[in-house]
Amino acid sequence: MRHTLYTDRIVIIGAGLGGLYAALALAPRRVVVISPDALGAGASSAWAQGGVAAAMAQTDSPAAHAADTIRVGAGIVDRDVAHRVTSLAREHILNLTALGAPFDRSATGEYVLSREAAHSVARVVRVQGDQAGAAIMAALIEKVRAAPHIQVLERTMAVGLETEAGAVTSVSLQSAAPDRSAPVRLRGRAFLLAGGGSGGLYALTTNPPQICGQVIGMAARAGAQISDAEFVQFHPTAIDVGEDPAPLATEALRGEGALLINACGERFMDGLHPDRELAPRDIVARAVYQQTRDGKRPMLDTRAALGGRLQSLYPAVWQACMRNGLNPVTHPIPVVAAAHYHMGGITTNSEGKASLGNLWVCGEASSTGLHGANRLASNGLLEALVYARICANSIMATHADCPDAPEITLRFGHGGTAPPLDAIRALRHTMTRNVGVLRDHAGLQRALCDIARLETANPHVPEFLNMCATATLIAAGARARCESRGAHERADFAGPPEGRGHRSITTFTAAMAQRDQITKDLT
């Protein structure tokens, strides 16, 4: 029988931008944050290079930002959500500045803004070119460490949710050490999921290894509704050097004038879209993927646009090149399309609440309707900020403060099962091969059969079951969506379709029924 702990604290699962921002916003409510790594080390927020999209210039407006978001989302964006989020963007940039985020400023104090793909103007607030995620996280971590109402449980993994009468009552925790531990049940007052997306389910990804569908999977397995699971965004300029995860060459480089060329020196975006390198991300990703598939070696050429300035303006890109023996001053940077951001996730309402009671979700694990079928660049961090506060306000309206909620003493015992590394590798490869940039009916059915086989062989490892659940939802959703729309490209359905589309809403039970039927039919 599992050991059970009780707390009157709000339990936040995930320690990325959304989780930490919400924890601060919940003051004076007592909070415990569950972090699978040392604080900040494994969060995809800290890896974000571009920055936060916000209409900060006098020549820009939230309405224009919303229009770009809706246009890029390929007919799936919830227009009310887009207008709400973009109207709040400036407020959150100013709040992050007050919290210590060192955004780039001009000599007159104005925010320095970058232009990224599919934005009609420059509106991405940045830090040292490509250091926004790391710098914002560092500022929040300093505040969280000093906040008396927040306790952080580091190197602790959430692997399951338990419910009673349709509401979440507890979370199952394990040590995140390599050998894992026996699970411990933690019963809390309310639960906020802020644990990231699913990029790590793919063999080619820009995400930290821990961002592999854990949070979406555990919520789905507990019965939460899932929306738009099939919409996975692939970044077109991951640096192709064999690293896992792949280093990212921020989209801001193309905003500065960097060009996409192939081994023959051809600009292959010519003729594909009027904005060429700054076309919507799905279009550029497919073009890069096709060049790779054709053996033409796509590359990002920063030589004329940036030259030696790349080192000081974009230090993360420069360092990735240096450690792999690349000199971007003299040679183009090889690139590949890689899984980057999950635009679907756990269905949430306008207050950030999931379909299960006592459960809120913010950040990449959620599906708010903002991103549609194709996320506008740098809207991810913005969404996390806006909905972290929305969730915090909703939780505070639901739960009174409990000032005598003591800190939790967590002790793990032996008895856990280590993650099946060979099975994880196989899962990642089948996702990249069959549920990647270009999909078709036969490949999606193969993926569902592969996932079923791997799950059957590893039935007692909760974190792997969470991964398989999210992978099943993505593949089943992609098979069910018989069209090409945004980032979801079906080789067997020509696109893009005309007019508005529909958001998909499903459950793990429905996805499993589809998977079971396919497995039965094909075996």
Protein backbone atom coordinates (compact mmCIF):
# COMPACT_ATOMS: atom_id res chain seq x y z
CA MET A 1 0.00 0.00 0.00
CA ARG A 2 1.32 3.43 -0.91
CA HIS A 3 2.24 5.94 1.75
CA THR A 4 -0.16 8.92 1.80
CA LEU A 5 0.67 12.49 2.80
CA TYR A 6 -1.86 15.26 3.34
CA THR A 7 -1.39 18.99 2.74
CA ASP A 8 -3.57 22.08 2.74
CA ARG A 9 -1.25 23.65 0.17
CA ILE A 10 -2.08 24.24 -3.49
CA VAL A 11 -0.13 21.64 -5.48
CA ILE A 12 1.56 22.90 -8.67
CA ILE A 13 2.94 20.17 -10.91
CA GLY A 14 5.71 21.62 -13.05
CA ALA A 15 8.29 24.31 -12.43
CA GLY A 16 8.53 26.10 -15.76
CA LEU A 17 7.42 29.64 -16.49
CA GLY A 18 3.72 28.95 -15.93
CA GLY A 19 4.21 27.04 -12.68
CA LEU A 20 6.54 29.57 -11.06
CA TYR A 21 4.55 32.60 -12.24
CA ALA A 22 1.36 31.05 -10.87
CA ALA A 23 3.05 30.19 -7.58
CA LEU A 24 4.03 33.84 -7.10
CA ALA A 25 0.56 35.03 -8.11
CA LEU A 26 -1.08 32.72 -5.55
CA ALA A 27 0.38 34.62 -2.59
CA PRO A 28 -0.51 34.41 0.24
CA ARG A 29 -2.00 30.96 -0.48
CA ARG A 30 0.45 28.27 0.60
CA VAL A 31 1.87 26.46 -2.42
CA VAL A 32 4.04 23.41 -3.08
CA VAL A 33 5.75 23.18 -6.48
CA ILE A 34 6.71 19.74 -7.83
CA SER A 35 9.89 19.95 -9.94
CA PRO A 36 11.45 16.85 -11.56
CA ASP A 37 14.84 18.60 -11.73
CA ALA A 38 16.77 21.19 -9.82
CA LEU A 39 14.66 24.34 -10.13
CA GLY A 40 14.85 25.65 -13.69
CA ALA A 41 17.14 22.92 -15.05
CA GLY A 42 14.68 20.81 -17.04
CA ALA A 43 12.00 23.33 -17.97
CA SER A 44 11.44 24.03 -21.66
CA SER A 45 10.70 27.66 -20.71
CA ALA A 46 14.37 28.13 -19.85
CA TRP A 47 15.31 26.92 -23.34
CA ALA A 48 13.06 29.39 -25.16
CA GLN A 49 15.22 31.62 -27.33
CA GLY A 50 12.87 34.02 -29.10
CA GLY A 51 11.08 35.73 -26.23
CA VAL A 52 7.54 36.87 -25.47
CA ALA A 53 5.25 38.25 -28.17
CA ALA A 54 3.56 41.48 -27.09
CA ALA A 55 2.36 44.67 -28.79
CA MET A 56 4.79 47.06 -27.08
CA ALA A 57 5.53 49.45 -29.96
CA GLN A 58 3.38 52.55 -30.52
CA THR A 59 2.82 51.44 -34.10
CA ASP A 60 1.51 48.02 -32.97
CA SER A 61 -1.69 46.97 -31.20
CA PRO A 62 -3.20 43.96 -29.40
CA ALA A 63 -5.78 43.80 -32.20
CA ALA A 64 -3.03 43.43 -34.82
CA HIS A 65 -1.32 40.79 -32.68
CA ALA A 66 -4.62 38.89 -32.37
CA ALA A 67 -5.20 39.16 -36.13
CA ASP A 68 -1.79 37.61 -36.82
CA THR A 69 -2.49 34.83 -34.30
CA ILE A 70 -5.86 34.05 -35.89
CA ARG A 71 -4.53 34.20 -39.47
CA VAL A 72 -1.64 31.83 -38.76
CA GLY A 73 -3.77 29.34 -36.79
CA ALA A 74 -5.36 27.95 -39.98
CA GLY A 75 -9.00 28.31 -38.99
CA ILE A 76 -8.83 26.69 -35.55
CA VAL A 77 -7.97 29.61 -33.23
CA ASP A 78 -10.60 30.66 -30.69
CA ARG A 79 -10.91 34.34 -31.59
CA ASP A 80 -12.09 35.43 -28.15
CA VAL A 81 -9.09 33.75 -26.55
CA ALA A 82 -6.71 35.38 -29.03
CA HIS A 83 -8.05 38.86 -28.28
CA ARG A 84 -8.04 38.25 -24.54
CA VAL A 85 -4.44 36.98 -24.45
CA THR A 86 -2.98 39.66 -26.71
CA SER A 87 -4.79 42.44 -24.81
CA LEU A 88 -3.06 41.30 -21.59
CA ALA A 89 0.42 40.87 -23.10
CA ARG A 90 1.78 44.34 -22.28
CA GLU A 91 0.69 44.05 -18.64
CA HIS A 92 2.67 40.83 -18.21
CA ILE A 93 5.80 42.24 -19.89
CA LEU A 94 5.72 45.15 -17.45
CA ASN A 95 5.18 42.77 -14.54
CA LEU A 96 8.11 40.56 -15.59
CA THR A 97 10.24 43.68 -15.87
CA ALA A 98 9.27 44.62 -12.31
CA LEU A 99 10.19 41.09 -11.19
CA GLY A 100 13.67 41.56 -12.63
CA ALA A 101 13.56 40.14 -16.17
CA PRO A 102 16.37 42.02 -17.98
CA PHE A 103 14.67 42.63 -21.32
CA ASP A 104 16.75 44.34 -24.00
CA ARG A 105 16.14 48.10 -23.94
CA SER A 106 17.20 50.93 -26.21
CA ALA A 107 19.18 53.96 -25.03
CA THR A 108 15.84 55.74 -24.53
CA GLY A 109 14.39 52.88 -22.49
CA GLU A 110 12.14 51.35 -25.13
CA TYR A 111 11.92 47.57 -25.44
CA VAL A 112 14.02 46.15 -28.27
CA LEU A 113 11.71 44.05 -30.42
CA SER A 114 12.53 41.20 -32.82
CA ARG A 115 10.45 40.11 -35.77
CA GLU A 116 9.69 36.42 -36.10
CA ALA A 117 7.84 34.33 -38.65
CA ALA A 118 4.29 35.36 -39.60
CA HIS A 119 4.26 38.46 -37.37
CA SER A 120 3.26 41.53 -39.38
CA VAL A 121 5.65 43.69 -37.32
CA ALA A 122 8.51 43.28 -34.86
CA ARG A 123 6.86 42.50 -31.49
CA VAL A 124 8.94 39.85 -29.72
CA VAL A 125 10.41 41.15 -26.46
CA ARG A 126 13.82 39.55 -26.00
CA VAL A 127 16.88 39.24 -23.74
CA GLN A 128 20.39 39.29 -25.22
CA GLY A 129 19.06 38.10 -28.55
CA ASP A 130 18.36 34.46 -27.69
CA GLN A 131 18.49 34.37 -23.88
CA ALA A 132 14.88 35.29 -23.02
CA GLY A 133 13.73 32.00 -21.54
CA ALA A 134 16.80 31.52 -19.36
CA ALA A 135 16.79 35.12 -18.14
CA ILE A 136 13.08 35.24 -17.33
CA MET A 137 13.31 31.93 -15.49
CA ALA A 138 16.33 33.13 -13.50
CA ALA A 139 14.39 36.20 -12.35
CA LEU A 140 11.36 34.12 -11.34
CA ILE A 141 13.47 31.50 -9.55
CA GLU A 142 15.08 34.21 -7.43
CA LYS A 143 11.63 35.46 -6.39
CA VAL A 144 10.30 31.95 -5.76
CA ARG A 145 13.29 31.03 -3.57
CA ALA A 146 12.60 34.10 -1.43
CA ALA A 147 8.81 33.69 -1.21
CA PRO A 148 7.73 32.37 2.20
CA HIS A 149 4.45 30.93 0.88
CA ILE A 150 6.17 28.64 -1.67
CA GLN A 151 7.80 25.27 -1.01
CA VAL A 152 9.62 23.56 -3.89
CA LEU A 153 10.10 19.79 -3.97
CA GLU A 154 13.00 19.32 -6.37
CA ARG A 155 13.94 16.10 -8.20
CA THR A 156 10.41 14.84 -7.61
CA MET A 157 8.23 13.47 -10.40
CA ALA A 158 4.46 13.47 -10.62
CA VAL A 159 3.38 10.27 -12.37
CA GLY A 160 -0.38 10.00 -11.80
CA LEU A 161 -3.56 11.72 -10.68
CA GLU A 162 -6.31 10.16 -8.58
CA THR A 163 -9.93 11.25 -8.58
CA GLU A 164 -13.05 10.88 -6.49
CA ALA A 165 -16.48 11.74 -7.89
CA GLY A 166 -14.92 13.35 -10.96
CA ALA A 167 -12.52 15.63 -9.07
CA VAL A 168 -8.78 15.33 -8.55
CA THR A 169 -7.88 14.55 -4.94
CA SER A 170 -4.24 13.46 -5.04
CA VAL A 171 -1.10 13.13 -7.10
CA SER A 172 1.28 10.17 -7.13
CA LEU A 173 4.93 11.17 -6.71
CA GLN A 174 8.23 9.37 -7.25
CA SER A 175 11.86 10.28 -6.85
CA ALA A 176 13.29 11.50 -10.15
CA ALA A 177 16.61 9.77 -9.44
CA PRO A 178 17.67 7.31 -12.19
CA ASP A 179 16.49 4.25 -10.23
CA ARG A 180 13.14 5.88 -9.26
CA SER A 181 11.34 5.04 -6.00
CA ALA A 182 8.14 3.57 -4.70
CA PRO A 183 5.28 6.05 -5.27
CA VAL A 184 3.95 8.34 -2.56
CA ARG A 185 0.41 9.74 -2.68
CA LEU A 186 0.03 13.47 -1.92
CA ARG A 187 -3.48 14.73 -1.19
CA GLY A 188 -3.83 18.49 -1.62
CA ARG A 189 -6.39 21.31 -1.68
CA ALA A 190 -6.23 22.04 -5.41
CA PHE A 191 -4.04 21.03 -8.33
CA LEU A 192 -2.47 23.08 -11.11
CA LEU A 193 -0.75 21.27 -13.98
CA ALA A 194 2.04 23.33 -15.52
CA GLY A 195 4.39 20.59 -16.66
CA GLY A 196 5.06 21.24 -20.34
CA GLY A 197 4.31 19.57 -23.64
CA SER A 198 5.36 16.48 -25.56
CA GLY A 199 8.33 17.24 -27.83
CA GLY A 200 10.49 14.61 -26.13
CA LEU A 201 8.19 11.91 -27.54
CA TYR A 202 10.02 12.47 -30.83
CA ALA A 203 13.52 11.33 -31.78
CA LEU A 204 14.14 14.75 -33.34
CA THR A 205 13.20 17.47 -30.84
CA THR A 206 14.34 20.78 -29.41
CA ASN A 207 12.78 20.02 -26.00
CA PRO A 208 14.46 18.93 -22.76
CA PRO A 209 14.22 15.13 -22.26
CA GLN A 210 11.65 15.47 -19.46
CA ILE A 211 9.17 17.25 -21.74
CA CYS A 212 7.71 14.04 -23.13
CA GLY A 213 3.96 14.14 -22.59
CA GLN A 214 3.98 13.24 -18.90
CA VAL A 215 1.47 15.82 -17.71
CA ILE A 216 -0.95 15.47 -20.63
CA GLY A 217 -0.75 11.68 -20.29
CA MET A 218 -1.45 11.55 -16.56
CA ALA A 219 -4.41 13.90 -16.90
CA ALA A 220 -5.80 11.90 -19.83
CA ARG A 221 -5.43 8.63 -17.95
CA ALA A 222 -7.34 10.19 -15.05
CA GLY A 223 -10.22 11.04 -17.40
CA ALA A 224 -9.55 14.65 -18.44
CA GLN A 225 -10.80 15.84 -21.81
CA ILE A 226 -8.12 16.48 -24.46
CA SER A 227 -8.31 18.93 -27.37
CA ASP A 228 -6.33 19.27 -30.62
CA ALA A 229 -3.81 16.58 -29.68
CA GLU A 230 -2.84 16.08 -33.33
CA PHE A 231 -1.39 19.59 -33.70
CA VAL A 232 2.33 19.30 -32.96
CA GLN A 233 4.54 22.15 -34.17
CA PHE A 234 7.88 21.38 -35.78
CA HIS A 235 10.56 24.05 -35.64
CA PRO A 236 12.21 24.43 -39.05
CA THR A 237 15.67 25.44 -37.84
CA ALA A 238 16.90 22.99 -35.24
CA ILE A 239 20.67 22.74 -35.74
CA ASP A 240 21.42 19.43 -37.44
CA VAL A 241 24.51 18.20 -35.58
CA GLY A 242 23.28 14.93 -34.07
CA GLU A 243 22.71 16.28 -30.55
CA ASP A 244 19.70 15.02 -28.58
CA PRO A 245 17.88 17.27 -28.06
CA ALA A 246 18.80 19.35 -31.09
CA PRO A 247 20.04 22.90 -30.41
CA LEU A 248 17.73 25.61 -31.67
CA ALA A 249 18.56 28.38 -34.15
CA THR A 250 16.00 30.97 -33.13
CA GLU A 251 13.53 32.31 -35.67
CA ALA A 252 14.78 35.81 -34.85
CA LEU A 253 17.83 35.04 -37.02
CA ARG A 254 15.54 34.97 -40.05
CA GLY A 255 13.97 38.16 -38.78
CA GLU A 256 17.46 39.67 -38.97
CA GLY A 257 17.77 38.57 -42.60
CA ALA A 258 19.32 35.08 -42.38
CA LEU A 259 18.46 32.95 -45.43
CA LEU A 260 17.47 29.33 -45.90
CA ILE A 261 19.53 27.66 -48.60
CA ASN A 262 20.39 24.11 -49.61
CA ALA A 263 23.70 22.46 -50.44
CA CYS A 264 23.44 23.85 -53.98
CA GLY A 265 23.16 27.40 -52.61
CA GLU A 266 19.50 27.73 -53.67
CA ARG A 267 16.99 29.76 -51.60
CA PHE A 268 14.32 27.09 -51.49
CA MET A 269 11.63 29.29 -49.89
CA ASP A 270 11.39 31.33 -53.10
CA GLY A 271 8.03 30.65 -54.70
CA LEU A 272 6.59 28.82 -51.69
CA HIS A 273 5.26 31.85 -49.83
CA PRO A 274 5.45 35.65 -50.30
CA ASP A 275 7.21 36.01 -46.93
CA ARG A 276 9.79 33.33 -47.85
CA GLU A 277 11.92 32.70 -44.69
CA LEU A 278 9.34 34.49 -42.53
CA ALA A 279 6.39 32.44 -43.73
CA PRO A 280 4.24 30.71 -41.08
CA ARG A 281 6.22 28.08 -39.22
CA ASP A 282 4.36 25.07 -40.63
CA ILE A 283 5.15 26.11 -44.20
CA VAL A 284 8.85 26.63 -43.48
CA ALA A 285 9.09 23.37 -41.52
CA ARG A 286 7.62 21.39 -44.40
CA ALA A 287 10.01 23.04 -46.85
CA VAL A 288 13.02 22.18 -44.66
CA TYR A 289 11.71 18.63 -44.21
CA GLN A 290 11.33 18.19 -47.98
CA GLN A 291 14.87 19.42 -48.60
CA THR A 292 16.17 16.91 -46.05
CA ARG A 293 14.08 14.13 -47.58
CA ASP A 294 15.43 14.97 -51.04
CA GLY A 295 19.03 14.84 -49.77
CA LYS A 296 19.63 18.54 -50.45
CA ARG A 297 20.96 19.42 -46.95
CA PRO A 298 19.02 22.53 -45.83
CA MET A 299 21.05 25.23 -44.10
CA LEU A 300 20.57 28.59 -42.42
CA ASP A 301 22.92 31.19 -43.85
CA THR A 302 23.67 33.97 -41.36
CA ARG A 303 26.88 35.15 -43.03
CA ALA A 304 25.68 38.27 -44.84
CA ALA A 305 22.95 39.21 -42.34
CA LEU A 306 24.96 38.88 -39.12
CA GLY A 307 28.53 37.78 -39.76
CA GLY A 308 30.65 38.04 -36.62
CA ARG A 309 27.86 39.84 -34.75
CA LEU A 310 26.17 36.47 -34.23
CA GLN A 311 28.47 35.73 -31.28
CA SER A 312 27.36 38.74 -29.25
CA LEU A 313 23.76 39.01 -30.46
CA TYR A 314 22.79 35.32 -30.28
CA PRO A 315 25.17 33.61 -27.84
CA ALA A 316 23.19 30.35 -27.49
CA VAL A 317 23.28 29.74 -31.25
CA TRP A 318 26.96 30.66 -31.38
CA GLN A 319 27.85 28.28 -28.54
CA ALA A 320 25.92 25.41 -30.15
CA CYS A 321 27.87 25.96 -33.36
CA MET A 322 31.22 26.21 -31.58
CA ARG A 323 30.86 22.96 -29.62
CA ASN A 324 30.05 21.16 -32.88
CA GLY A 325 32.91 22.58 -34.91
CA LEU A 326 30.77 24.94 -37.01
CA ASN A 327 31.82 28.47 -37.90
CA PRO A 328 28.68 30.39 -38.92
CA VAL A 329 30.78 33.38 -39.97
CA THR A 330 32.23 31.39 -42.86
CA HIS A 331 29.75 28.54 -43.42
CA PRO A 332 25.95 28.12 -43.28
CA ILE A 333 24.43 26.23 -40.33
CA PRO A 334 22.87 22.83 -41.19
CA VAL A 335 19.25 22.65 -40.00
CA VAL A 336 16.45 20.12 -39.66
CA ALA A 337 12.75 20.27 -38.73
CA ALA A 338 12.26 19.01 -35.15
CA ALA A 339 9.30 18.58 -32.77
CA HIS A 340 9.10 21.80 -30.80
CA TYR A 341 5.70 22.67 -29.29
CA HIS A 342 2.43 20.85 -28.62
CA MET A 343 -0.45 23.12 -29.60
CA GLY A 344 -3.04 20.70 -28.24
CA GLY A 345 -3.38 19.35 -24.73
CA ILE A 346 -5.71 19.24 -21.76
CA THR A 347 -8.95 21.06 -22.55
CA THR A 348 -9.42 24.17 -20.40
CA ASN A 349 -12.19 26.73 -20.08
CA SER A 350 -11.85 30.51 -19.80
CA GLU A 351 -10.69 30.19 -16.18
CA GLY A 352 -8.04 27.58 -16.94
CA LYS A 353 -10.11 24.74 -15.44
CA ALA A 354 -9.95 21.22 -16.86
CA SER A 355 -12.96 18.94 -17.29
CA LEU A 356 -12.02 17.20 -14.04
CA GLY A 357 -12.96 19.03 -10.85
CA ASN A 358 -10.30 20.69 -8.70
CA LEU A 359 -7.83 20.70 -11.63
CA TRP A 360 -6.42 23.72 -13.47
CA VAL A 361 -3.89 23.74 -16.31
CA CYS A 362 -1.62 26.43 -17.77
CA GLY A 363 1.17 26.53 -20.33
CA GLU A 364 2.00 24.02 -23.03
CA ALA A 365 0.12 21.14 -21.39
CA SER A 366 -3.14 23.04 -21.84
CA SER A 367 -5.34 23.56 -24.87
CA THR A 368 -6.90 27.00 -24.54
CA GLY A 369 -7.72 27.54 -28.21
CA LEU A 370 -5.06 30.24 -28.66
CA HIS A 371 -2.72 28.41 -31.04
CA GLY A 372 -5.11 26.65 -33.37
CA ALA A 373 -3.39 24.44 -35.95
CA ASN A 374 -0.21 26.51 -36.10
CA ARG A 375 1.21 28.58 -33.23
CA LEU A 376 2.37 32.12 -33.93
CA ALA A 377 6.03 32.41 -32.92
CA SER A 378 6.68 33.42 -29.28
CA ASN A 379 3.01 33.16 -28.29
CA GLY A 380 3.86 30.14 -26.13
CA LEU A 381 5.50 32.00 -23.25
CA LEU A 382 2.79 34.66 -23.48
CA GLU A 383 0.02 32.08 -23.12
CA ALA A 384 1.80 30.55 -20.11
CA LEU A 385 1.99 33.93 -18.38
CA VAL A 386 -1.60 34.94 -19.05
CA TYR A 387 -3.16 31.64 -18.03
CA ALA A 388 -0.88 31.17 -15.02
CA ARG A 389 -2.42 34.29 -13.52
CA ILE A 390 -5.93 33.36 -14.70
CA CYS A 391 -5.56 29.96 -13.02
CA ALA A 392 -4.14 31.53 -9.85
CA ASN A 393 -7.07 33.93 -9.62
CA SER A 394 -9.58 31.14 -10.17
CA ILE A 395 -7.95 28.95 -7.51
CA MET A 396 -7.94 31.83 -5.02
CA ALA A 397 -11.61 32.46 -5.70
CA THR A 398 -12.32 28.79 -4.99
CA HIS A 399 -10.03 28.10 -2.02
CA ALA A 400 -9.46 30.29 1.01
CA ASP A 401 -5.97 30.71 2.41
CA CYS A 402 -4.76 28.15 4.94
CA PRO A 403 -1.95 29.93 6.80
CA ASP A 404 -1.19 26.96 9.05
CA ALA A 405 -0.36 24.61 6.14
CA PRO A 406 3.13 23.41 7.11
CA GLU A 407 5.85 22.45 4.66
CA ILE A 408 5.81 18.86 3.42
CA THR A 409 8.46 16.34 4.46
CA LEU A 410 8.75 13.85 1.66
CA ARG A 411 10.56 10.53 2.08
CA PHE A 412 10.80 8.02 -0.74
CA GLY A 413 11.26 4.29 -0.25
CA HIS A 414 12.60 1.57 -2.48
CA GLY A 415 10.46 -0.35 -4.92
CA GLY A 416 10.14 1.79 -8.04
CA THR A 417 10.85 0.69 -11.60
CA ALA A 418 13.40 2.45 -13.77
CA PRO A 419 12.14 3.83 -17.09
CA PRO A 420 12.53 1.37 -20.01
CA LEU A 421 15.15 3.21 -22.05
CA ASP A 422 15.04 0.88 -25.08
CA ALA A 423 11.26 1.15 -25.23
CA ILE A 424 11.43 4.95 -24.94
CA ARG A 425 13.90 5.08 -27.83
CA ALA A 426 11.62 2.88 -29.92
CA LEU A 427 8.61 5.07 -29.09
CA ARG A 428 10.46 8.23 -30.07
CA HIS A 429 11.55 6.76 -33.38
CA THR A 430 8.08 5.58 -34.31
CA MET A 431 6.68 9.04 -33.53
CA THR A 432 9.25 10.80 -35.73
CA ARG A 433 8.90 8.24 -38.50
CA ASN A 434 5.09 7.95 -38.56
CA VAL A 435 3.60 10.96 -36.72
CA GLY A 436 6.04 13.65 -37.79
CA VAL A 437 6.03 16.53 -40.25
CA LEU A 438 4.31 14.48 -42.97
CA ARG A 439 1.71 11.86 -42.05
CA ASP A 440 -0.52 9.34 -43.79
CA HIS A 441 -3.15 6.77 -42.86
CA ALA A 442 -0.88 3.72 -43.06
CA GLY A 443 1.91 5.33 -41.03
CA LEU A 444 -0.46 6.46 -38.31
CA GLN A 445 -1.88 2.96 -38.02
CA ARG A 446 1.66 1.56 -37.74
CA ALA A 447 2.39 4.08 -35.00
CA LEU A 448 -0.67 3.07 -32.99
CA CYS A 449 0.28 -0.61 -33.28
CA ASP A 450 3.86 0.14 -32.23
CA ILE A 451 2.68 2.16 -29.22
CA ALA A 452 0.33 -0.65 -28.16
CA ARG A 453 3.12 -3.23 -28.44
CA LEU A 454 5.58 -1.14 -26.40
CA GLU A 455 3.00 -0.38 -23.72
CA THR A 456 2.03 -4.05 -23.40
CA ALA A 457 5.68 -4.95 -22.86
CA ASN A 458 6.07 -2.31 -20.10
CA PRO A 459 2.79 -2.27 -18.17
CA HIS A 460 4.03 -1.26 -14.71
CA VAL A 461 6.00 1.96 -15.32
CA PRO A 462 3.66 4.93 -14.78
CA GLU A 463 5.82 7.50 -16.53
CA PHE A 464 6.07 5.31 -19.64
CA LEU A 465 2.32 4.73 -19.58
CA ASN A 466 1.88 8.53 -19.53
CA MET A 467 4.17 8.84 -22.55
CA CYS A 468 2.26 6.13 -24.40
CA ALA A 469 -1.05 7.79 -23.54
CA THR A 470 0.01 11.12 -25.04
CA ALA A 471 1.55 9.41 -28.07
CA THR A 472 -1.71 7.49 -28.58
CA LEU A 473 -3.74 10.70 -28.38
CA ILE A 474 -1.52 12.45 -30.95
CA ALA A 475 -1.52 9.53 -33.40
CA ALA A 476 -5.23 8.78 -33.00
CA GLY A 477 -6.10 12.46 -33.41
CA ALA A 478 -3.94 12.69 -36.52
CA ARG A 479 -5.58 9.60 -38.00
CA ALA A 480 -9.06 10.95 -37.28
CA ARG A 481 -8.38 14.38 -38.81
CA CYS A 482 -8.76 13.56 -42.50
CA GLU A 483 -7.39 16.83 -43.86
CA SER A 484 -4.19 18.83 -44.01
CA ARG A 485 -4.43 21.89 -41.79
CA GLY A 486 -1.63 23.96 -40.28
CA ALA A 487 1.06 21.79 -38.74
CA HIS A 488 -1.02 18.64 -39.35
CA GLU A 489 -0.02 17.62 -42.88
CA ARG A 490 -1.53 14.47 -44.36
CA ALA A 491 0.14 13.18 -47.53
CA ASP A 492 -3.15 11.48 -48.41
CA PHE A 493 -5.25 14.68 -48.09
CA ALA A 494 -4.35 17.73 -50.15
CA GLY A 495 -4.44 21.04 -48.36
CA PRO A 496 -4.86 23.59 -47.16
CA PRO A 497 -8.65 23.33 -46.71
CA GLU A 498 -10.85 26.36 -47.18
CA GLY A 499 -12.60 28.19 -44.37
CA ARG A 500 -12.71 27.62 -40.65
CA GLY A 501 -12.05 24.19 -39.23
CA HIS A 502 -13.11 22.52 -36.02
CA ARG A 503 -11.23 21.81 -32.84
CA SER A 504 -11.03 18.17 -31.87
CA ILE A 505 -12.18 17.06 -28.43
CA THR A 506 -11.55 13.53 -27.21
CA THR A 507 -10.69 11.37 -24.24
CA PHE A 508 -8.06 8.74 -23.61
CA THR A 509 -10.82 6.12 -23.56
CA ALA A 510 -11.89 7.09 -27.09
CA ALA A 511 -8.30 7.14 -28.37
CA MET A 512 -7.66 3.74 -26.82
CA ALA A 513 -10.79 2.31 -28.47
CA GLN A 514 -9.43 3.47 -31.84
CA ARG A 515 -5.99 2.02 -31.06
CA ASP A 516 -7.42 -1.31 -29.89
CA GLN A 517 -9.56 -1.69 -33.01
CA ILE A 518 -6.63 -0.96 -35.33
CA THR A 519 -4.36 -3.35 -33.44
CA LYS A 520 -7.04 -6.04 -33.66
CA ASP A 521 -7.57 -5.46 -37.39
CA LEU A 522 -3.87 -5.52 -38.26
CA THR A 523 -2.76 -8.50 -36.16
